[in-house]
Amino acid sequence: MPTFGNSRRVAIVAGVRTPFTKAGTAFKSISAIDLGKLCVAELIQRTNLSGSEVQALVFGTVIPSVVAPNIAREIALMPLLPKGVQAFSVSRACASANQAITDAADQIALGHIDVAIAGGAESLSNVPILHSAGMAEALVLASKAKTLTGRMKALARVRPKDLIPITPAIAEPSTGETMGQSAEKMAKLNDISREDQDHFTLRSHRLAAAGTADGRLTAEEMTVYVPPKYESVVSADNGVRSDSSYEQLAALKPVFDRRYGSVTAGNSSPLTDGGACVLLMSEQKAKSLGYEPLGYIKSYAYAALDPGEQLLQAPVLAAPVALARAGLTLKDIDLVEMHEAFAAQVLSNLRGFESQYWAERAGFTHPVGEVDLSRLNVMGGSIAIGHPFGATGSRITVTLLNELARRDGQFGLMTVCAAGGMGFSMVVERDA
């Protein structure tokens, strides 16, 4: 990674997203590629940017289409952009949009390009369903057969068990544990109570509901007219519950450890569809085109740990590195955005920030410190807003920068946990 302090400053000029909707609801007919096209087109129109200025498009997704796996290139071929735009896709689980943003930012910082669009999209309503190995083998043989008899003979190999489809599991290939089971483990290891998880969940919904009602959150969103009839209109996230109560959350049964568990559907982020993207430029290019950036990338860091340990705790290892690279401490940070995969994960990460053990594991002598909750996820988070895996990192970036501007803050810190035991952290900066 180039040291941003010794190279060109990378400006985050603007950002936009579709509303985030629960999988199987409003956006179930829209692919991840089309969700990406929608938000990229909106970004170009909102910024009044000529498509000819865009030199690269980097997009993240976690569950790619088997028909068109390079989501970035498919988006880049939309009419608003020249066909020569370089485009590539990335995947770092729930930090995929962050990976897209930092990859594009690196190219700008190095002086290779001046303008890029980066972000991500996910459609968990349209997860590819795979054939069993037996069915796949029979279909391949049938396709190669030159006669009807040969095709029938190949298909006759199919047994009833071969008809059972294979659906992707949200589980670690290395451990077999689902993300929810891992969150349950973290709750136990870090002594995170069910009560604390549900109170944090209620906070997320109330803050997101307030940000929706007063227009702060919806200002980041575009209106989507849903195909194919375009009669349905979506202009806000549909997972935010303004009527949620602690009593309702406390009544939900644990999902991943039904006897001793504390992680429920309520205190977990929902499966979600959506797209989000940002416009990145070199500082000089932004100024020459007359843009007032939302802010600048000060530093970033990635980290990883053994998935069999605490799957979603790696942000605790990434954050102190990002802060050190920025030459800052937590006391300098005005706002913190922490991706909410589970309430148990957020509360475990916060404990980790205060832990001498985790500080030393990250290579530091002192912990990051205690996060002032009045500065944490002040617009709610993924538990309420939703979590399209490939898009969340872009959403968090824009939400953080917009709220920094409203509060006249200078520095913001974000963290994102990701499957595979990975973590991300970035420091963003506004000119004082």
Protein backbone atom coordinates (compact mmCIF):
# COMPACT_ATOMS: atom_id res chain seq x y z
CA MET A 1 0.00 0.00 0.00
CA PRO A 2 1.39 3.42 -0.83
CA THR A 3 1.75 5.71 2.17
CA PHE A 4 -1.01 8.23 1.59
CA GLY A 5 0.90 10.90 3.49
CA ASN A 6 3.75 10.71 0.98
CA SER A 7 1.64 10.54 -2.19
CA ARG A 8 -1.36 12.17 -3.78
CA ARG A 9 -4.33 12.68 -1.49
CA VAL A 10 -7.36 10.67 -2.53
CA ALA A 11 -10.67 12.50 -2.28
CA ILE A 12 -14.02 10.85 -1.69
CA VAL A 13 -16.10 13.24 -3.75
CA ALA A 14 -19.60 11.80 -3.38
CA GLY A 15 -21.51 8.61 -2.73
CA VAL A 16 -24.94 7.13 -3.20
CA ARG A 17 -26.74 3.85 -2.66
CA THR A 18 -29.98 2.13 -3.38
CA PRO A 19 -32.24 1.61 -0.41
CA PHE A 20 -31.31 -1.63 1.37
CA THR A 21 -34.17 -4.13 1.35
CA LYS A 22 -34.55 -7.49 3.05
CA ALA A 23 -33.84 -10.42 0.76
CA GLY A 24 -36.97 -11.80 -0.88
CA THR A 25 -38.83 -8.48 -0.69
CA ALA A 26 -38.77 -5.33 -2.82
CA PHE A 27 -35.63 -6.03 -4.88
CA LYS A 28 -36.06 -9.77 -5.38
CA SER A 29 -36.43 -9.27 -9.15
CA ILE A 30 -33.22 -7.18 -9.47
CA SER A 31 -29.79 -8.77 -9.93
CA ALA A 32 -26.66 -7.54 -8.18
CA ILE A 33 -25.38 -6.30 -11.55
CA ASP A 34 -28.48 -4.19 -12.08
CA LEU A 35 -28.37 -2.87 -8.51
CA GLY A 36 -24.80 -1.80 -9.24
CA LYS A 37 -25.79 -0.15 -12.51
CA LEU A 38 -28.59 1.74 -10.77
CA CYS A 39 -26.36 3.31 -8.13
CA VAL A 40 -23.49 4.05 -10.54
CA ALA A 41 -25.87 5.80 -12.95
CA GLU A 42 -27.34 7.79 -10.08
CA LEU A 43 -23.88 8.78 -8.83
CA ILE A 44 -22.86 10.09 -12.26
CA GLN A 45 -26.10 12.04 -12.60
CA ARG A 46 -26.02 13.50 -9.08
CA THR A 47 -22.47 14.74 -9.52
CA ASN A 48 -23.07 15.94 -13.10
CA LEU A 49 -19.91 14.09 -14.06
CA SER A 50 -19.05 13.33 -17.65
CA GLY A 51 -18.66 9.59 -18.03
CA SER A 52 -15.56 10.20 -20.12
CA GLU A 53 -13.74 11.34 -16.96
CA VAL A 54 -14.07 7.89 -15.33
CA GLN A 55 -10.91 5.82 -15.80
CA ALA A 56 -11.63 2.82 -13.58
CA LEU A 57 -14.57 1.05 -11.97
CA VAL A 58 -13.93 -1.38 -9.12
CA PHE A 59 -16.82 -3.28 -7.58
CA GLY A 60 -17.17 -5.83 -4.82
CA THR A 61 -19.58 -8.71 -4.49
CA VAL A 62 -19.57 -11.85 -2.36
CA ILE A 63 -21.87 -14.18 -4.27
CA PRO A 64 -21.16 -13.49 -7.95
CA SER A 65 -23.34 -14.50 -10.85
CA VAL A 66 -22.16 -17.74 -12.43
CA VAL A 67 -23.22 -16.30 -15.79
CA ALA A 68 -21.45 -12.94 -15.45
CA PRO A 69 -18.90 -13.21 -12.61
CA ASN A 70 -17.10 -9.90 -13.30
CA ILE A 71 -19.78 -7.57 -11.96
CA ALA A 72 -17.54 -4.52 -12.41
CA ARG A 73 -17.10 -5.04 -16.13
CA GLU A 74 -20.82 -5.58 -16.68
CA ILE A 75 -21.55 -2.30 -14.87
CA ALA A 76 -18.79 -0.48 -16.75
CA LEU A 77 -20.41 -1.41 -20.08
CA MET A 78 -23.46 0.74 -19.34
CA PRO A 79 -24.03 3.56 -21.87
CA LEU A 80 -22.97 6.34 -19.49
CA LEU A 81 -19.36 5.12 -19.49
CA PRO A 82 -16.81 4.71 -22.29
CA LYS A 83 -16.12 1.09 -23.23
CA GLY A 84 -12.43 1.58 -22.48
CA VAL A 85 -12.91 1.99 -18.72
CA GLN A 86 -10.80 -0.55 -16.88
CA ALA A 87 -13.01 -2.60 -14.60
CA PHE A 88 -12.40 -5.41 -12.16
CA SER A 89 -14.26 -7.13 -9.36
CA VAL A 90 -13.05 -7.92 -5.85
CA SER A 91 -14.27 -10.06 -3.00
CA ARG A 92 -13.25 -9.75 0.64
CA ALA A 93 -16.50 -11.03 2.16
CA CYS A 94 -18.31 -8.26 4.06
CA ALA A 95 -15.44 -5.83 3.41
CA SER A 96 -15.67 -6.22 -0.38
CA ALA A 97 -16.73 -2.62 -1.03
CA ASN A 98 -13.91 -1.45 1.23
CA GLN A 99 -11.50 -3.51 -0.84
CA ALA A 100 -12.90 -1.93 -4.00
CA ILE A 101 -12.47 1.56 -2.55
CA THR A 102 -8.90 1.01 -1.35
CA ASP A 103 -7.87 -0.71 -4.59
CA ALA A 104 -9.15 2.24 -6.60
CA ALA A 105 -7.62 4.71 -4.13
CA ASP A 106 -4.23 3.03 -4.47
CA GLN A 107 -4.32 3.55 -8.23
CA ILE A 108 -5.09 7.23 -7.72
CA ALA A 109 -2.47 7.66 -4.99
CA LEU A 110 0.15 6.08 -7.26
CA GLY A 111 -0.69 8.51 -10.05
CA HIS A 112 -1.94 5.86 -12.45
CA ILE A 113 -5.43 7.34 -12.71
CA ASP A 114 -7.31 10.43 -11.50
CA VAL A 115 -10.97 9.35 -11.36
CA ALA A 116 -12.59 6.09 -10.29
CA ILE A 117 -15.93 4.74 -9.14
CA ALA A 118 -15.82 2.05 -6.45
CA GLY A 119 -18.40 0.20 -4.42
CA GLY A 120 -20.34 -3.02 -4.35
CA ALA A 121 -23.66 -4.74 -4.76
CA GLU A 122 -25.34 -7.90 -3.55
CA SER A 123 -28.56 -9.71 -4.29
CA LEU A 124 -29.18 -12.32 -1.63
CA SER A 125 -32.60 -12.86 -3.21
CA ASN A 126 -30.82 -14.35 -6.23
CA VAL A 127 -28.33 -16.80 -4.79
CA PRO A 128 -27.25 -19.37 -7.40
CA ILE A 129 -28.62 -22.86 -6.74
CA LEU A 130 -26.21 -25.59 -7.77
CA HIS A 131 -26.84 -29.11 -9.05
CA SER A 132 -25.48 -32.08 -7.16
CA ALA A 133 -22.36 -33.71 -8.59
CA GLY A 134 -24.43 -36.64 -9.90
CA MET A 135 -26.90 -34.40 -11.69
CA ALA A 136 -24.13 -32.22 -13.12
CA GLU A 137 -22.28 -35.25 -14.48
CA ALA A 138 -25.44 -36.61 -16.09
CA LEU A 139 -26.25 -33.26 -17.72
CA VAL A 140 -22.73 -32.94 -19.13
CA LEU A 141 -22.88 -36.46 -20.58
CA ALA A 142 -26.31 -35.76 -22.04
CA SER A 143 -25.07 -32.57 -23.69
CA LYS A 144 -22.23 -34.51 -25.32
CA ALA A 145 -24.43 -37.36 -26.56
CA LYS A 146 -25.06 -37.31 -30.30
CA THR A 147 -28.30 -39.29 -30.31
CA LEU A 148 -31.58 -39.22 -28.42
CA THR A 149 -30.83 -42.69 -27.10
CA GLY A 150 -27.48 -41.50 -25.80
CA ARG A 151 -29.04 -38.52 -24.05
CA MET A 152 -31.71 -40.71 -22.45
CA LYS A 153 -29.05 -43.17 -21.31
CA ALA A 154 -27.05 -40.37 -19.68
CA LEU A 155 -30.10 -38.95 -17.88
CA ALA A 156 -31.04 -42.43 -16.68
CA ARG A 157 -27.99 -42.25 -14.43
CA VAL A 158 -29.77 -39.68 -12.25
CA ARG A 159 -30.88 -40.99 -8.86
CA PRO A 160 -33.45 -39.36 -6.54
CA LYS A 161 -30.70 -38.05 -4.26
CA ASP A 162 -29.14 -36.29 -7.26
CA LEU A 163 -32.25 -34.12 -7.58
CA ILE A 164 -31.55 -32.37 -4.27
CA PRO A 165 -30.05 -28.92 -5.08
CA ILE A 166 -27.08 -27.45 -3.26
CA THR A 167 -27.54 -23.98 -1.82
CA PRO A 168 -24.56 -21.86 -0.68
CA ALA A 169 -24.18 -21.82 3.09
CA ILE A 170 -23.10 -18.78 5.09
CA ALA A 171 -20.51 -20.91 6.82
CA GLU A 172 -16.74 -21.07 7.04
CA PRO A 173 -15.33 -23.72 4.71
CA SER A 174 -12.38 -24.15 7.09
CA THR A 175 -14.43 -24.70 10.26
CA GLY A 176 -17.98 -25.49 9.15
CA GLU A 177 -19.28 -22.86 11.58
CA THR A 178 -21.87 -20.39 10.39
CA MET A 179 -21.30 -16.72 11.07
CA GLY A 180 -24.12 -16.81 13.61
CA GLN A 181 -22.49 -19.69 15.46
CA SER A 182 -19.25 -17.73 15.50
CA ALA A 183 -21.06 -14.68 16.91
CA GLU A 184 -22.54 -16.93 19.58
CA LYS A 185 -19.06 -18.15 20.47
CA MET A 186 -17.82 -14.55 20.69
CA ALA A 187 -20.69 -13.62 23.01
CA LYS A 188 -19.70 -16.41 25.39
CA LEU A 189 -15.94 -15.79 25.23
CA ASN A 190 -16.33 -12.03 25.80
CA ASP A 191 -19.14 -12.31 28.35
CA ILE A 192 -21.61 -10.34 26.23
CA SER A 193 -25.07 -10.65 27.75
CA ARG A 194 -28.32 -11.12 25.88
CA GLU A 195 -29.63 -7.98 27.56
CA ASP A 196 -26.74 -5.87 26.25
CA GLN A 197 -27.18 -7.28 22.75
CA ASP A 198 -30.87 -6.46 22.66
CA HIS A 199 -30.37 -2.96 24.04
CA PHE A 200 -27.72 -2.31 21.40
CA THR A 201 -30.08 -3.61 18.71
CA LEU A 202 -32.86 -1.31 19.90
CA ARG A 203 -30.41 1.60 19.78
CA SER A 204 -29.53 0.75 16.17
CA HIS A 205 -33.17 0.76 15.09
CA ARG A 206 -34.04 3.97 16.95
CA LEU A 207 -31.08 5.89 15.54
CA ALA A 208 -31.70 4.61 12.00
CA ALA A 209 -35.38 5.45 12.31
CA ALA A 210 -34.51 8.98 13.40
CA GLY A 211 -32.05 9.35 10.51
CA THR A 212 -34.72 8.14 8.10
CA ALA A 213 -37.44 10.39 9.49
CA ASP A 214 -35.32 13.57 9.34
CA GLY A 215 -33.88 12.75 5.91
CA ARG A 216 -30.23 12.28 6.84
CA LEU A 217 -30.17 8.63 5.78
CA THR A 218 -32.54 8.95 2.85
CA ALA A 219 -30.36 11.73 1.42
CA GLU A 220 -27.76 9.03 0.74
CA GLU A 221 -30.32 6.87 -1.07
CA MET A 222 -31.81 6.97 -4.53
CA THR A 223 -35.37 6.14 -5.46
CA VAL A 224 -35.70 2.83 -7.29
CA TYR A 225 -38.57 2.03 -9.64
CA VAL A 226 -38.72 -1.75 -9.52
CA PRO A 227 -38.76 -3.67 -12.81
CA PRO A 228 -40.37 -5.22 -14.76
CA LYS A 229 -43.53 -3.09 -14.43
CA TYR A 230 -41.91 -0.12 -12.61
CA GLU A 231 -45.08 0.34 -10.58
CA SER A 232 -43.42 -0.35 -7.23
CA VAL A 233 -41.26 2.47 -5.85
CA VAL A 234 -38.65 2.04 -3.10
CA SER A 235 -37.15 5.14 -1.52
CA ALA A 236 -36.02 3.97 1.93
CA ASP A 237 -34.56 0.94 3.72
CA ASN A 238 -37.28 -1.52 4.65
CA GLY A 239 -35.58 -3.18 7.62
CA VAL A 240 -35.58 -0.19 9.97
CA ARG A 241 -38.23 -0.57 12.66
CA SER A 242 -39.31 2.62 14.36
CA ASP A 243 -41.78 0.62 16.48
CA SER A 244 -39.25 -1.88 17.83
CA SER A 245 -39.17 -2.34 21.60
CA TYR A 246 -36.86 -4.06 24.05
CA GLU A 247 -39.68 -6.36 25.12
CA GLN A 248 -40.19 -7.57 21.54
CA LEU A 249 -36.48 -8.22 21.08
CA ALA A 250 -36.19 -9.99 24.44
CA ALA A 251 -39.03 -12.35 23.50
CA LEU A 252 -37.19 -13.77 20.47
CA LYS A 253 -35.64 -17.20 20.84
CA PRO A 254 -31.92 -17.84 20.21
CA VAL A 255 -31.23 -19.22 16.74
CA PHE A 256 -27.73 -20.67 16.78
CA ASP A 257 -27.63 -22.18 20.28
CA ARG A 258 -31.23 -22.80 21.21
CA ARG A 259 -30.48 -23.92 24.76
CA TYR A 260 -27.75 -21.60 26.02
CA GLY A 261 -27.51 -18.99 23.29
CA SER A 262 -28.12 -15.24 23.13
CA VAL A 263 -27.87 -14.45 19.40
CA THR A 264 -31.29 -14.06 17.81
CA ALA A 265 -32.69 -13.02 14.47
CA GLY A 266 -33.44 -9.67 16.08
CA ASN A 267 -29.91 -8.83 17.22
CA SER A 268 -28.37 -9.98 13.92
CA SER A 269 -28.16 -8.12 10.61
CA PRO A 270 -30.69 -9.42 8.05
CA LEU A 271 -29.93 -10.90 4.64
CA THR A 272 -30.23 -7.90 2.35
CA ASP A 273 -30.23 -6.73 -1.28
CA GLY A 274 -28.66 -3.44 -2.34
CA GLY A 275 -25.92 -1.53 -4.12
CA ALA A 276 -23.67 1.39 -3.11
CA CYS A 277 -20.78 3.31 -4.66
CA VAL A 278 -18.49 6.32 -4.23
CA LEU A 279 -16.71 8.66 -6.60
CA LEU A 280 -12.97 8.91 -5.97
CA MET A 281 -10.56 11.47 -7.39
CA SER A 282 -7.11 12.80 -6.81
CA GLU A 283 -7.28 16.00 -4.78
CA GLN A 284 -5.98 18.00 -7.73
CA LYS A 285 -8.53 16.55 -10.15
CA ALA A 286 -11.42 17.22 -7.78
CA LYS A 287 -10.35 20.83 -7.43
CA SER A 288 -9.87 21.29 -11.17
CA LEU A 289 -13.41 20.02 -11.82
CA GLY A 290 -14.85 22.23 -9.10
CA TYR A 291 -15.93 19.52 -6.65
CA GLU A 292 -16.03 19.95 -2.88
CA PRO A 293 -15.03 16.48 -1.58
CA LEU A 294 -16.86 14.82 1.29
CA GLY A 295 -13.42 14.01 2.68
CA TYR A 296 -10.13 12.23 2.11
CA ILE A 297 -8.67 8.82 2.83
CA LYS A 298 -6.12 9.31 5.59
CA SER A 299 -5.07 5.69 6.09
CA TYR A 300 -6.37 2.14 6.11
CA ALA A 301 -5.38 -1.36 7.25
CA TYR A 302 -6.49 -4.95 6.85
CA ALA A 303 -5.95 -7.78 9.33
CA ALA A 304 -6.84 -11.43 9.79
CA LEU A 305 -6.94 -14.14 12.42
CA ASP A 306 -7.75 -17.84 12.65
CA PRO A 307 -11.43 -18.30 11.67
CA GLY A 308 -11.74 -20.98 14.32
CA GLU A 309 -10.89 -18.48 17.05
CA GLN A 310 -13.12 -15.38 17.08
CA LEU A 311 -14.24 -15.05 13.48
CA LEU A 312 -15.38 -11.42 13.59
CA GLN A 313 -12.74 -9.93 15.91
CA ALA A 314 -10.10 -8.96 13.34
CA PRO A 315 -11.15 -5.26 13.21
CA VAL A 316 -9.54 -5.03 16.65
CA LEU A 317 -6.23 -5.88 14.97
CA ALA A 318 -6.75 -3.56 11.98
CA ALA A 319 -7.89 -0.40 13.80
CA PRO A 320 -4.70 0.33 15.76
CA VAL A 321 -2.67 -0.07 12.57
CA ALA A 322 -4.91 2.34 10.65
CA LEU A 323 -4.71 4.86 13.50
CA ALA A 324 -0.92 4.56 13.69
CA ARG A 325 -0.58 5.03 9.94
CA ALA A 326 -2.67 8.17 10.25
CA GLY A 327 -0.58 9.42 13.16
CA LEU A 328 -3.70 9.58 15.33
CA THR A 329 -5.19 8.03 18.46
CA LEU A 330 -8.80 7.29 19.32
CA LYS A 331 -8.93 10.63 21.20
CA ASP A 332 -8.48 12.42 17.87
CA ILE A 333 -11.47 10.65 16.29
CA ASP A 334 -14.75 12.53 16.13
CA LEU A 335 -17.00 9.68 14.96
CA VAL A 336 -16.71 5.89 14.74
CA GLU A 337 -18.63 3.67 12.31
CA MET A 338 -18.50 -0.03 13.13
CA HIS A 339 -20.25 -2.52 10.87
CA GLU A 340 -22.96 -4.33 12.80
CA ALA A 341 -23.01 -7.95 11.64
CA PHE A 342 -24.30 -8.94 15.08
CA ALA A 343 -24.75 -6.99 18.28
CA ALA A 344 -22.51 -9.59 19.94
CA GLN A 345 -19.76 -8.86 17.41
CA VAL A 346 -19.92 -5.07 17.89
CA LEU A 347 -19.83 -5.38 21.67
CA SER A 348 -16.95 -7.89 21.42
CA ASN A 349 -15.02 -5.52 19.14
CA LEU A 350 -15.56 -2.67 21.59
CA ARG A 351 -14.21 -4.84 24.41
CA GLY A 352 -11.25 -5.68 22.20
CA PHE A 353 -10.48 -1.99 21.68
CA GLU A 354 -10.03 -1.69 25.45
CA SER A 355 -8.02 -4.90 25.85
CA GLN A 356 -4.29 -5.03 26.56
CA TYR A 357 -4.25 -8.59 25.21
CA TRP A 358 -5.62 -7.55 21.81
CA ALA A 359 -3.36 -4.49 21.73
CA GLU A 360 -0.28 -6.67 22.14
CA ARG A 361 -1.55 -9.12 19.52
CA ALA A 362 -1.78 -6.20 17.10
CA GLY A 363 1.79 -5.23 17.98
CA PHE A 364 1.06 -2.23 20.23
CA THR A 365 1.84 -1.50 23.86
CA HIS A 366 -1.43 0.27 24.64
CA PRO A 367 -5.07 -0.51 23.73
CA VAL A 368 -6.97 1.63 21.25
CA GLY A 369 -9.20 2.70 24.13
CA GLU A 370 -12.84 3.00 25.11
CA VAL A 371 -15.18 4.21 22.38
CA ASP A 372 -17.58 6.95 23.45
CA LEU A 373 -20.96 5.44 22.53
CA SER A 374 -22.35 8.88 21.77
CA ARG A 375 -19.94 8.93 18.80
CA LEU A 376 -20.52 5.35 17.65
CA ASN A 377 -22.88 4.49 14.77
CA VAL A 378 -24.84 7.66 15.35
CA MET A 379 -27.19 6.86 12.44
CA GLY A 380 -27.75 3.27 13.51
CA GLY A 381 -26.07 0.45 11.67
CA SER A 382 -26.35 -2.72 9.65
CA ILE A 383 -28.61 -4.50 12.16
CA ALA A 384 -31.34 -1.99 11.33
CA ILE A 385 -30.34 -0.60 7.93
CA GLY A 386 -29.43 -3.99 6.43
CA HIS A 387 -26.30 -5.65 5.12
CA PRO A 388 -25.89 -6.45 1.42
CA PHE A 389 -22.50 -8.13 1.82
CA GLY A 390 -20.77 -6.49 -1.13
CA ALA A 391 -22.21 -3.00 -0.58
CA THR A 392 -22.04 -2.26 3.14
CA GLY A 393 -18.49 -0.88 3.16
CA SER A 394 -19.44 1.87 0.73
CA ARG A 395 -22.57 2.72 2.71
CA ILE A 396 -20.58 3.07 5.93
CA THR A 397 -18.00 5.32 4.25
CA VAL A 398 -20.61 7.78 2.99
CA THR A 399 -22.67 7.76 6.19
CA LEU A 400 -19.56 8.52 8.25
CA LEU A 401 -18.40 11.39 6.04
CA ASN A 402 -21.84 12.98 5.81
CA GLU A 403 -22.30 12.95 9.55
CA LEU A 404 -18.79 14.30 10.11
CA ALA A 405 -19.75 17.27 7.93
CA ARG A 406 -22.97 17.89 9.86
CA ARG A 407 -21.04 17.93 13.15
CA ASP A 408 -18.07 19.82 11.71
CA GLY A 409 -15.80 16.95 12.72
CA GLN A 410 -12.40 16.29 11.20
CA PHE A 411 -11.54 12.61 11.63
CA GLY A 412 -13.64 9.47 11.36
CA LEU A 413 -12.75 5.83 12.00
CA MET A 414 -14.57 2.89 10.44
CA THR A 415 -14.22 -0.84 10.98
CA VAL A 416 -15.70 -3.82 9.15
CA CYS A 417 -15.53 -7.47 10.18
CA ALA A 418 -15.59 -10.10 7.45
CA ALA A 419 -15.91 -13.84 6.98
CA GLY A 420 -12.67 -15.78 6.94
CA GLY A 421 -11.51 -14.06 10.12
CA MET A 422 -10.73 -10.83 8.27
CA GLY A 423 -11.04 -7.23 9.39
CA PHE A 424 -10.74 -3.75 7.92
CA SER A 425 -10.27 -0.26 9.29
CA MET A 426 -9.99 3.15 7.64
CA VAL A 427 -9.43 6.70 8.85
CA VAL A 428 -11.10 9.43 6.83
CA GLU A 429 -10.47 13.15 7.13
CA ARG A 430 -12.29 16.37 6.36
CA ASP A 431 -10.41 19.58 5.82
CA ALA A 432 -10.80 21.70 8.93
